[in-house]
Every structure is written in structure tokens, then in C-alpha cells.
Amino acid sequence: MNQSASEADSLKQILALLGEEVRELGHLTEQLQTTLSPALLRIVDDTDCHKNVQLLDLVSQRLGGISAFVHSLAPLVPPSWQIDATLALRNVSLSDLARRLSGHPSAALEDQAGDLEMF
């Protein structure tokens, strides 16, 4: 997928990259759950908070399911199927994400997190 912007890319490769990105988001969500669990247990009596905790778990499960689905589709796509993803990539507002989806390496996750902002 490291071709010029005007060339078509393998749909199989695009699906594989997309599946990997969703898989990574699922892992990040699981890490977030693990990190927040002790604090969330202290406020479990708050019904709204309890629902939001369950939503976080649902997001993690759905990301995992979507990742598995996309990863399962990718091998089924004939190698001859090509697509020019240039326009779609222009609509991705996070430049590092767009770079990864185009098949280029990106910064380590630790470098992407940014600075801590206290509200």
C-alpha cells in the first residue's frame, strides 16, 4: 500500500489494516477498563455511572467483534480487487491514523497520547 496517491491499493490490504486498527482500539479500551476499574467500583452505587461502565465494556466487546469480522473478510477478498483509498483517507482527521491506514509506519502509541490536561 505504499504506492503513490493516484494508484489503487489492494482491498485485502486495506481491510487487514482496518482490522488491525480496530483490534488495537479494542485493546486500548480493555486497558482503560483495567485502569479505571478500582475507581469505578467505588461509585458503583451510582446508577448512571454503572450504566456507563457497562457501555465501556460493550464498546470493548463490539470493537473486538468488528475486528474479528474485518480480519475474517480480508483473506476472502480476491487479490485482484483494488481500490483508490485516497479520498477516504483525506476524511480521516487524525494524520497518524491516516498514515497507518495507508500502510505507512507511525509513531509509537506512547508518543501519540499527548500531554496530560487537568480540567
Protein backbone atom coordinates (compact mmCIF):
# COMPACT_ATOMS: atom_id res chain seq x y z
CA MET A 1 0.00 0.00 0.00
CA ASN A 2 3.00 2.29 -0.04
CA GLN A 3 2.16 3.49 -3.54
CA SER A 4 1.58 6.94 -4.91
CA ALA A 5 -1.75 8.54 -4.02
CA SER A 6 -3.17 8.07 -7.52
CA GLU A 7 -2.64 4.29 -7.62
CA ALA A 8 -5.13 1.72 -6.45
CA ASP A 9 -4.45 -0.28 -3.30
CA SER A 10 -5.38 -3.85 -2.53
CA LEU A 11 -8.75 -4.03 -0.81
CA LYS A 12 -7.42 -7.07 1.03
CA GLN A 13 -4.60 -4.96 2.50
CA ILE A 14 -6.93 -2.10 3.40
CA LEU A 15 -9.23 -4.50 5.26
CA ALA A 16 -6.26 -6.03 7.06
CA LEU A 17 -5.04 -2.59 8.17
CA LEU A 18 -8.54 -1.57 9.24
CA GLY A 19 -8.98 -4.80 11.19
CA GLU A 20 -5.66 -4.25 12.94
CA GLU A 21 -6.60 -0.68 13.84
CA VAL A 22 -9.93 -1.78 15.34
CA ARG A 23 -8.17 -4.62 17.20
CA GLU A 24 -5.76 -2.10 18.72
CA LEU A 25 -8.67 0.13 19.76
CA GLY A 26 -10.24 -2.88 21.47
CA HIS A 27 -7.02 -3.49 23.40
CA LEU A 28 -6.83 0.18 24.39
CA THR A 29 -10.42 0.03 25.64
CA GLU A 30 -9.60 -3.06 27.71
CA GLN A 31 -6.58 -1.25 29.20
CA LEU A 32 -8.82 1.69 30.02
CA GLN A 33 -11.28 -0.61 31.77
CA THR A 34 -8.48 -2.20 33.79
CA THR A 35 -7.10 1.19 34.76
CA LEU A 36 -10.47 2.62 35.75
CA SER A 37 -11.90 -0.46 37.46
CA PRO A 38 -10.77 0.37 41.02
CA ALA A 39 -12.25 3.87 40.83
CA LEU A 40 -15.41 2.65 39.17
CA LEU A 41 -16.05 0.05 41.88
CA ARG A 42 -16.16 2.85 44.46
CA ILE A 43 -19.00 4.60 42.65
CA VAL A 44 -20.94 1.52 41.61
CA ASP A 45 -23.98 2.68 43.61
CA ASP A 46 -24.47 5.50 41.10
CA THR A 47 -26.92 4.03 38.55
CA ASP A 48 -25.88 6.32 35.70
CA CYS A 49 -22.22 5.61 36.32
CA HIS A 50 -22.90 1.88 36.44
CA LYS A 51 -24.62 2.09 33.03
CA ASN A 52 -21.62 3.97 31.60
CA VAL A 53 -19.24 1.34 32.96
CA GLN A 54 -21.32 -1.30 31.19
CA LEU A 55 -21.18 0.79 28.00
CA LEU A 56 -17.38 0.82 28.18
CA ASP A 57 -17.42 -2.97 28.34
CA LEU A 58 -19.86 -3.10 25.42
CA VAL A 59 -17.61 -0.82 23.35
CA SER A 60 -14.67 -3.12 24.03
CA GLN A 61 -16.66 -6.21 23.05
CA ARG A 62 -18.02 -4.62 19.88
CA LEU A 63 -14.58 -3.41 18.78
CA GLY A 64 -13.28 -6.93 19.26
CA GLY A 65 -16.17 -8.34 17.24
CA ILE A 66 -15.73 -5.84 14.40
CA SER A 67 -12.01 -6.54 14.33
CA ALA A 68 -12.60 -10.29 14.08
CA PHE A 69 -15.16 -9.73 11.31
CA VAL A 70 -12.87 -7.49 9.25
CA HIS A 71 -9.89 -9.80 9.77
CA SER A 72 -12.06 -12.73 8.61
CA LEU A 73 -13.17 -10.84 5.49
CA ALA A 74 -9.70 -9.79 4.36
CA PRO A 75 -8.48 -13.27 3.27
CA LEU A 76 -11.70 -13.78 1.28
CA VAL A 77 -11.10 -10.76 -0.96
CA PRO A 78 -9.50 -11.67 -4.29
CA PRO A 79 -6.02 -10.13 -4.62
CA SER A 80 -7.08 -8.50 -7.90
CA TRP A 81 -9.63 -6.27 -6.15
CA GLN A 82 -8.13 -2.79 -5.98
CA ILE A 83 -9.42 0.50 -4.64
CA ASP A 84 -8.09 4.04 -4.57
CA ALA A 85 -8.45 4.99 -0.89
CA THR A 86 -7.03 8.49 -1.32
CA LEU A 87 -10.36 10.31 -0.90
CA ALA A 88 -11.36 8.18 2.08
CA LEU A 89 -8.00 8.82 3.75
CA ARG A 90 -8.47 12.58 3.29
CA ASN A 91 -11.55 12.31 5.51
CA VAL A 92 -9.54 10.80 8.38
CA SER A 93 -8.76 13.76 10.63
CA LEU A 94 -6.01 12.08 12.68
CA SER A 95 -2.92 12.18 10.49
CA ASP A 96 -1.17 9.31 12.27
CA LEU A 97 -4.25 7.11 11.84
CA ALA A 98 -4.42 8.02 8.14
CA ARG A 99 -0.74 7.14 7.81
CA ARG A 100 -1.30 3.71 9.41
CA LEU A 101 -4.37 3.04 7.27
CA SER A 102 -2.34 3.85 4.17
CA GLY A 103 0.23 1.23 5.17
CA HIS A 104 2.95 3.57 6.43
CA PRO A 105 4.60 3.18 9.83
CA SER A 106 3.64 5.64 12.53
CA ALA A 107 4.83 6.85 15.90
CA ALA A 108 4.68 4.52 18.88
CA LEU A 109 1.45 4.67 20.85
CA GLU A 110 3.25 6.24 23.81
CA ASP A 111 4.21 9.16 21.56
CA GLN A 112 0.62 9.61 20.35
CA ALA A 113 -1.08 10.03 23.69
CA GLY A 114 -0.19 13.69 24.02
CA ASP A 115 0.16 15.76 27.15
CA LEU A 116 -1.93 15.25 30.27
CA GLU A 117 -4.50 18.01 30.64
CA MET A 118 -6.17 18.53 34.00
CA PHE A 119 -9.63 20.09 33.91
